[in-house]
């Protein structure tokens, strides 16, 4: 019986070791395949272009680099994009029926070539022309320059299938009718009795016809008027596209120790880039920090006990 039990334990440990080795090998192979596939880069990742009244066109350069060890031919195309969700995701036109074609750009984008072949390690610049035709309405327009691998070959190897697609986003502002705006729809912040919530999630709407970059600062003051928490809205300079909603979560960081029980005021001042004046939103919350609250409760309890003892002694003396 004991021999059978030892054999079972030995076989179990051997099987577990084998499964661990298989799992580790799978992770290694997965990591290797991802690293080998990431062989191309394009800069800039986001290109902003301003088309003024009377300008016929604007041209910018996109740089693509072949960082792989293969000869690669890339197909170049253009496509429109819009907002996918409120967290800042991007959807390409055709992938979602909700995207607004009024803000399309692809029809006015003209890359200088539709295909480029790169040697291993080669970097190539591709010129892209944005046509300012009458059909391009004032406001914001959004497109992407898309690169797709058509073929890749390595020395002494006929062909290697990589099949990558990568892109560079293009944000265009056409003046002469651009409408800017930023509305605060709501602010999500948890009400906590014993500690102040560290995360603030404002939700904005862009009522205009061009993208904007929200800016702002948040502060928390205690019942004595001291600044105890502070945070910065949109440190990454993310944009909100026209006629869309987007959330911009950020953290509050302590400045002073929050130890005073009572009403705390959270204030958010916000604007968009290009606007000087700030809008203000505020919220009042009641906070009872555990340390001082516990001390006050203990003192109150001791006072009651002392009062009871003194009262009892007074009765006895009578």
Protein backbone atom coordinates (compact mmCIF):
# COMPACT_ATOMS: atom_id res chain seq x y z
CA UNK A 1 0.00 0.00 0.00
CA UNK A 2 2.80 2.41 0.93
CA UNK A 3 4.73 1.55 -2.26
CA UNK A 4 1.66 2.29 -4.39
CA UNK A 5 1.16 5.64 -2.65
CA UNK A 6 4.80 6.64 -3.23
CA UNK A 7 4.52 5.65 -6.90
CA UNK A 8 1.36 7.75 -7.26
CA UNK A 9 3.05 10.78 -5.69
CA UNK A 10 6.14 10.33 -7.91
CA UNK A 11 4.02 10.10 -11.09
CA UNK A 12 1.93 13.11 -10.05
CA UNK A 13 5.05 15.26 -9.50
CA UNK A 14 6.49 14.13 -12.84
CA UNK A 15 3.26 15.03 -14.68
CA UNK A 16 3.11 18.42 -12.96
CA UNK A 17 6.72 19.13 -13.95
CA UNK A 18 5.98 18.20 -17.57
CA UNK A 19 2.93 20.47 -17.68
CA UNK A 20 4.96 23.35 -16.22
CA UNK A 21 7.64 22.86 -18.87
CA UNK A 22 5.03 22.76 -21.65
CA UNK A 23 3.40 25.94 -20.30
CA UNK A 24 6.75 27.75 -20.07
CA UNK A 25 7.68 26.66 -23.60
CA UNK A 26 4.31 27.89 -24.92
CA UNK A 27 4.82 31.32 -23.31
CA UNK A 28 8.33 31.51 -24.77
CA UNK A 29 7.12 30.63 -28.27
CA UNK A 30 4.26 33.15 -28.00
CA UNK A 31 6.62 35.92 -26.88
CA UNK A 32 9.04 35.05 -29.71
CA UNK A 33 6.31 35.18 -32.36
CA UNK A 34 5.09 38.57 -31.10
CA UNK A 35 8.61 40.02 -31.03
CA UNK A 36 9.35 38.77 -34.57
CA UNK A 37 6.05 40.21 -35.86
CA UNK A 38 6.76 43.70 -34.49
CA UNK A 39 9.17 44.58 -37.29
CA UNK A 40 7.83 47.92 -38.58
CA UNK A 41 7.29 51.38 -37.13
CA UNK A 42 5.68 54.51 -38.51
CA UNK A 43 6.14 58.08 -37.27
CA UNK A 44 4.48 60.29 -36.33
CA UNK A 45 1.80 58.16 -34.69
CA UNK A 46 -0.51 61.19 -34.78
CA UNK A 47 -0.16 64.05 -37.25
CA UNK A 48 -2.07 67.31 -36.79
CA UNK A 49 -2.65 69.55 -39.83
CA UNK A 50 -4.30 72.99 -39.92
CA UNK A 51 -5.78 74.12 -43.23
CA UNK A 52 -6.25 77.88 -43.39
CA UNK A 53 -8.66 79.75 -45.62
CA UNK A 54 -7.19 80.19 -49.08
CA UNK A 55 -4.64 77.36 -48.72
CA UNK A 56 -4.86 74.90 -51.60
CA UNK A 57 -3.26 72.02 -49.73
CA UNK A 58 -0.88 70.95 -46.97
CA UNK A 59 1.79 68.26 -47.21
CA UNK A 60 3.40 66.31 -44.40
CA UNK A 61 5.92 63.46 -44.20
CA UNK A 62 5.25 60.04 -42.68
CA UNK A 63 8.31 57.92 -41.97
CA UNK A 64 8.15 54.11 -42.07
CA UNK A 65 11.01 51.91 -40.88
CA UNK A 66 11.66 48.23 -41.57
CA UNK A 67 13.21 46.94 -38.35
CA UNK A 68 12.94 43.31 -39.37
CA UNK A 69 15.55 41.16 -41.12
CA UNK A 70 13.31 40.69 -44.19
CA UNK A 71 12.83 42.54 -47.48
CA UNK A 72 9.28 43.90 -47.26
CA UNK A 73 6.77 45.40 -49.67
CA UNK A 74 4.11 47.56 -48.04
CA UNK A 75 0.80 48.62 -49.56
CA UNK A 76 -0.23 52.20 -48.63
CA UNK A 77 -3.87 53.27 -48.35
CA UNK A 78 -6.02 55.82 -46.52
CA UNK A 79 -9.13 55.34 -44.40
CA UNK A 80 -11.44 57.43 -42.19
CA UNK A 81 -11.66 56.93 -38.44
CA UNK A 82 -13.87 58.05 -35.58
CA UNK A 83 -14.49 57.46 -31.89
CA UNK A 84 -15.24 53.85 -30.90
CA UNK A 85 -16.03 54.26 -27.21
CA UNK A 86 -15.80 56.68 -24.30
CA UNK A 87 -12.40 55.40 -23.19
CA UNK A 88 -10.71 56.84 -26.29
CA UNK A 89 -10.71 53.83 -28.57
CA UNK A 90 -10.52 54.39 -32.34
CA UNK A 91 -12.80 52.77 -34.94
CA UNK A 92 -12.15 52.87 -38.66
CA UNK A 93 -14.99 53.85 -40.97
CA UNK A 94 -16.65 50.68 -42.20
CA UNK A 95 -16.01 48.85 -38.92
CA UNK A 96 -18.88 50.68 -37.23
CA UNK A 97 -22.11 52.11 -38.60
CA UNK A 98 -22.10 54.81 -35.92
CA UNK A 99 -19.24 56.87 -37.32
CA UNK A 100 -20.19 60.23 -38.81
CA UNK A 101 -19.07 60.74 -42.41
CA UNK A 102 -19.23 64.53 -41.97
CA UNK A 103 -15.82 64.28 -40.31
CA UNK A 104 -14.26 61.98 -42.92
CA UNK A 105 -10.87 62.80 -44.43
CA UNK A 106 -9.71 59.90 -46.63
CA UNK A 107 -11.18 61.36 -49.84
CA UNK A 108 -8.91 64.43 -49.45
CA UNK A 109 -5.72 62.49 -48.54
CA UNK A 110 -3.26 61.67 -51.33
CA UNK A 111 -0.10 59.64 -50.54
CA UNK A 112 2.63 60.11 -53.13
CA UNK A 113 2.76 56.36 -53.75
CA UNK A 114 0.55 53.34 -53.18
CA UNK A 115 3.40 50.92 -52.45
CA UNK A 116 6.88 50.96 -51.01
CA UNK A 117 9.61 48.29 -50.77
CA UNK A 118 12.03 48.41 -47.85
CA UNK A 119 15.31 46.61 -47.32
CA UNK A 120 16.01 45.28 -43.78
CA UNK A 121 16.85 48.30 -41.61
CA UNK A 122 15.75 50.81 -44.28
CA UNK A 123 13.79 53.96 -43.38
CA UNK A 124 11.65 55.69 -46.00
CA UNK A 125 9.71 58.96 -45.97
CA UNK A 126 6.30 59.10 -47.66
CA UNK A 127 4.73 62.46 -48.50
CA UNK A 128 0.99 62.84 -47.92
CA UNK A 129 -0.96 65.72 -49.43
CA UNK A 130 -4.18 67.02 -47.83
CA UNK A 131 -6.32 68.74 -50.49
CA UNK A 132 -8.27 71.77 -49.27
CA UNK A 133 -11.11 71.52 -51.76
CA UNK A 134 -14.47 73.28 -51.37
CA UNK A 135 -16.09 69.93 -50.61
CA UNK A 136 -14.03 69.72 -47.39
CA UNK A 137 -16.21 71.47 -44.84
CA UNK A 138 -14.79 73.68 -42.04
CA UNK A 139 -14.08 71.91 -38.75
CA UNK A 140 -12.40 68.66 -37.90
CA UNK A 141 -11.67 65.74 -40.23
CA UNK A 142 -10.04 62.45 -39.26
CA UNK A 143 -8.23 59.82 -41.27
CA UNK A 144 -5.42 57.31 -41.11
CA UNK A 145 -2.49 56.41 -43.33
CA UNK A 146 -2.48 52.61 -43.39
CA UNK A 147 0.47 50.33 -44.20
CA UNK A 148 -0.11 46.64 -45.00
CA UNK A 149 2.57 44.05 -45.68
CA UNK A 150 2.06 42.58 -49.16
CA UNK A 151 5.13 40.34 -49.18
CA UNK A 152 8.22 39.69 -47.08
CA UNK A 153 11.30 37.67 -47.98
CA UNK A 154 14.43 36.70 -46.06
CA UNK A 155 17.83 35.81 -47.51
CA UNK A 156 17.90 32.15 -48.66
CA UNK A 157 14.19 31.78 -47.75
CA UNK A 158 11.56 32.14 -50.54
CA UNK A 159 8.84 33.83 -48.45
CA UNK A 160 7.75 34.51 -44.88
CA UNK A 161 4.15 35.26 -43.94
CA UNK A 162 3.89 38.18 -41.49
CA UNK A 163 0.78 40.02 -42.80
CA UNK A 164 0.89 43.11 -40.59
CA UNK A 165 -1.29 46.21 -40.72
CA UNK A 166 -0.28 49.41 -38.91
CA UNK A 167 -1.29 53.05 -39.25
CA UNK A 168 -0.64 56.70 -38.49
CA UNK A 169 -3.61 58.89 -37.49
CA UNK A 170 -4.20 62.28 -39.14
CA UNK A 171 -6.18 65.06 -37.42
CA UNK A 172 -7.12 68.00 -39.67
CA UNK A 173 -8.62 71.33 -38.62
CA UNK A 174 -10.05 73.49 -41.38
CA UNK A 175 -10.56 77.10 -40.29
CA UNK A 176 -13.31 79.43 -41.41
CA UNK A 177 -16.17 77.83 -39.50
CA UNK A 178 -14.64 75.62 -36.81
CA UNK A 179 -16.80 75.44 -33.67
CA UNK A 180 -15.10 74.63 -30.34
CA UNK A 181 -16.77 73.49 -27.15
CA UNK A 182 -16.48 71.29 -24.07
CA UNK A 183 -19.37 70.39 -21.75
CA UNK A 184 -19.00 68.54 -18.46
CA UNK A 185 -21.76 65.92 -18.35
CA UNK A 186 -21.01 64.21 -15.04
CA UNK A 187 -18.30 63.49 -12.49
CA UNK A 188 -17.94 60.08 -10.91
CA UNK A 189 -16.34 60.09 -7.46
CA UNK A 190 -17.09 57.60 -4.67
CA UNK A 191 -18.54 58.87 -1.40
CA UNK A 192 -16.53 57.28 1.40
CA UNK A 193 -17.00 58.01 5.09
CA UNK A 194 -13.54 57.24 6.45
CA UNK A 195 -11.23 58.02 3.48
CA UNK A 196 -11.34 60.26 0.43
CA UNK A 197 -11.64 58.43 -2.92
CA UNK A 198 -8.48 58.72 -4.98
CA UNK A 199 -10.03 58.39 -8.47
CA UNK A 200 -12.11 61.05 -10.23
CA UNK A 201 -13.84 60.25 -13.54
CA UNK A 202 -15.23 63.30 -15.35
CA UNK A 203 -17.31 62.64 -18.48
CA UNK A 204 -17.22 65.30 -21.17
CA UNK A 205 -19.13 66.00 -24.36
CA UNK A 206 -17.70 67.86 -27.33
CA UNK A 207 -20.63 69.83 -28.86
CA UNK A 208 -18.45 71.43 -31.53
CA UNK A 209 -17.29 70.29 -34.97
CA UNK A 210 -13.58 69.97 -34.24
CA UNK A 211 -11.55 67.94 -31.72
CA UNK A 212 -10.37 69.58 -28.50
CA UNK A 213 -7.92 68.74 -25.70
CA UNK A 214 -9.45 69.06 -22.20
CA UNK A 215 -7.30 70.61 -19.47
CA UNK A 216 -7.95 71.09 -15.79
CA UNK A 217 -6.97 70.72 -12.15
CA UNK A 218 -8.83 69.27 -9.18
CA UNK A 219 -8.40 70.22 -5.54
CA UNK A 220 -9.82 69.03 -2.23
CA UNK A 221 -10.03 71.32 0.81
CA UNK A 222 -10.81 70.26 4.37
CA UNK A 223 -13.15 72.02 6.87
CA UNK A 224 -10.26 74.34 7.84
CA UNK A 225 -9.75 75.43 4.21
CA UNK A 226 -6.45 73.56 3.84
CA UNK A 227 -5.54 71.99 0.48
CA UNK A 228 -5.27 68.26 1.21
CA UNK A 229 -5.54 66.60 -2.24
CA UNK A 230 -4.69 67.70 -5.76
CA UNK A 231 -4.93 66.16 -9.25
CA UNK A 232 -4.37 67.07 -12.91
CA UNK A 233 -6.89 66.35 -15.65
CA UNK A 234 -5.64 64.79 -18.91
CA UNK A 235 -1.89 64.86 -18.36
CA UNK A 236 -1.52 62.76 -21.54
CA UNK A 237 -3.13 65.47 -23.74
CA UNK A 238 -5.77 63.08 -25.12
CA UNK A 239 -8.38 64.50 -27.50
CA UNK A 240 -12.15 64.28 -27.63
CA UNK A 241 -13.62 64.12 -31.14
CA UNK A 242 -16.54 66.34 -32.23
CA UNK A 243 -20.06 65.37 -31.14
CA UNK A 244 -18.80 62.53 -28.96
CA UNK A 245 -18.54 61.71 -25.26
CA UNK A 246 -15.38 60.65 -23.46
CA UNK A 247 -14.27 59.85 -19.92
CA UNK A 248 -10.97 61.20 -18.55
CA UNK A 249 -10.11 59.35 -15.30
CA UNK A 250 -7.33 60.78 -13.13
CA UNK A 251 -5.90 60.36 -9.63
CA UNK A 252 -5.92 62.64 -6.60
CA UNK A 253 -2.64 62.83 -4.69
CA UNK A 254 -2.28 63.89 -1.03
CA UNK A 255 -0.78 67.30 -0.29
CA UNK A 256 -1.47 67.46 3.46
CA UNK A 257 -2.72 64.93 5.98
CA UNK A 258 -6.53 64.80 5.97
CA UNK A 259 -7.28 64.38 9.67
CA UNK A 260 -10.05 66.90 10.39
CA UNK A 261 -13.60 65.43 10.43
CA UNK A 262 -16.28 67.35 8.58
CA UNK A 263 -17.19 68.65 5.12
CA UNK A 264 -14.57 68.33 2.38
CA UNK A 265 -14.99 70.13 -0.94
CA UNK A 266 -13.84 68.61 -4.25
CA UNK A 267 -13.43 71.30 -6.94
CA UNK A 268 -12.72 70.67 -10.63
CA UNK A 269 -11.67 73.56 -12.88
CA UNK A 270 -11.61 72.67 -16.58
CA UNK A 271 -11.30 74.17 -20.06
CA UNK A 272 -10.02 73.11 -23.49
CA UNK A 273 -6.75 74.10 -25.15
CA UNK A 274 -7.14 77.53 -26.70
CA UNK A 275 -9.67 78.79 -24.16
CA UNK A 276 -8.40 81.01 -21.33
CA UNK A 277 -11.31 80.94 -18.89
CA UNK A 278 -11.99 77.92 -16.67
CA UNK A 279 -15.38 76.41 -15.85
CA UNK A 280 -15.86 75.21 -12.26
CA UNK A 281 -17.63 72.21 -10.76
CA UNK A 282 -17.66 71.33 -7.05
CA UNK A 283 -18.97 68.66 -4.70
CA UNK A 284 -19.21 68.52 -0.89
CA UNK A 285 -18.56 65.26 0.98
CA UNK A 286 -18.47 64.46 4.68
CA UNK A 287 -15.34 62.67 5.83
CA UNK A 288 -14.44 61.22 9.21
CA UNK A 289 -10.74 60.24 9.14
CA UNK A 290 -10.27 57.07 11.26
CA UNK A 291 -7.38 58.25 13.45
CA UNK A 292 -8.84 61.51 14.77
CA UNK A 293 -12.36 60.11 14.76
CA UNK A 294 -11.18 57.21 16.93
CA UNK A 295 -9.37 59.59 19.29
CA UNK A 296 -12.44 61.83 19.61
CA UNK A 297 -14.67 58.81 20.16
CA UNK A 298 -12.30 57.50 22.83
CA UNK A 299 -12.20 60.89 24.56
CA UNK A 300 -15.98 61.12 24.46
CA UNK A 301 -16.28 57.62 25.93
CA UNK A 302 -13.77 58.46 28.68
CA UNK A 303 -15.69 61.65 29.44
CA UNK A 304 -18.90 59.68 29.84
CA UNK A 305 -17.17 57.15 32.08
CA UNK A 306 -15.59 59.92 34.18
CA UNK A 307 -18.89 61.72 34.46
CA UNK A 308 -20.58 58.52 35.59
CA UNK A 309 -17.90 57.83 38.21
CA UNK A 310 -18.06 61.37 39.59
CA UNK A 311 -21.83 61.27 39.72
CA UNK A 312 -21.79 57.96 41.60
CA UNK A 313 -19.28 59.34 44.13
CA UNK A 314 -21.42 62.42 44.61
CA UNK A 315 -24.42 60.29 45.48
CA UNK A 316 -22.42 58.27 47.98
CA UNK A 317 -21.16 61.41 49.76
CA UNK A 318 -24.73 62.59 50.17
